[in-house]
């Protein structure tokens, strides 16, 4: 083997080591980026939930949603505000749904959100009105999910 061939083999070995190290660093950076994205997604959940709760404190009449809904005659402003609040909250839930599909949210957080919406939101009379008018503005996959949950609830209902 000539000195030229040895030099060439050493150079190739060095390039291979540098390439392997570069690939490992890029892989590590991608993992760190994914962790950062998951962390941001989780904190967005918390921020959205905090904002929804803050609105209930700032506008106590929105609580009418959870006490059998706005009563007839309470005024169009209360019903409109509840309708808008419902849209805001459902948009937040859609974000959580998408993050879960991308595996950027853990299962425990998802189940808490799902339970809350299924038990407290999907049962509201105003929700059914809202959904019949607004569902086309949501992602098709989310529409299917909500429609399936509503069908499950209807089937499980004693009046079903």
Foldseek 3Di string as FASTA:
>chain_A
DDPVVVVVVVVVVVVVVVVVVVVVVVVVVVVVVLVVLLVVLVVVLVVLVVVLVVVCVVPVLLCCQQVLHDDPPPDPVSNVVVLVSLVSVVVSLLSVVVCVVVVSYDPVVNVVSVCCCLVGPLPHPSNVVSCVPPVVVGDPVVSVVSVVSNVVVVVPDPVD
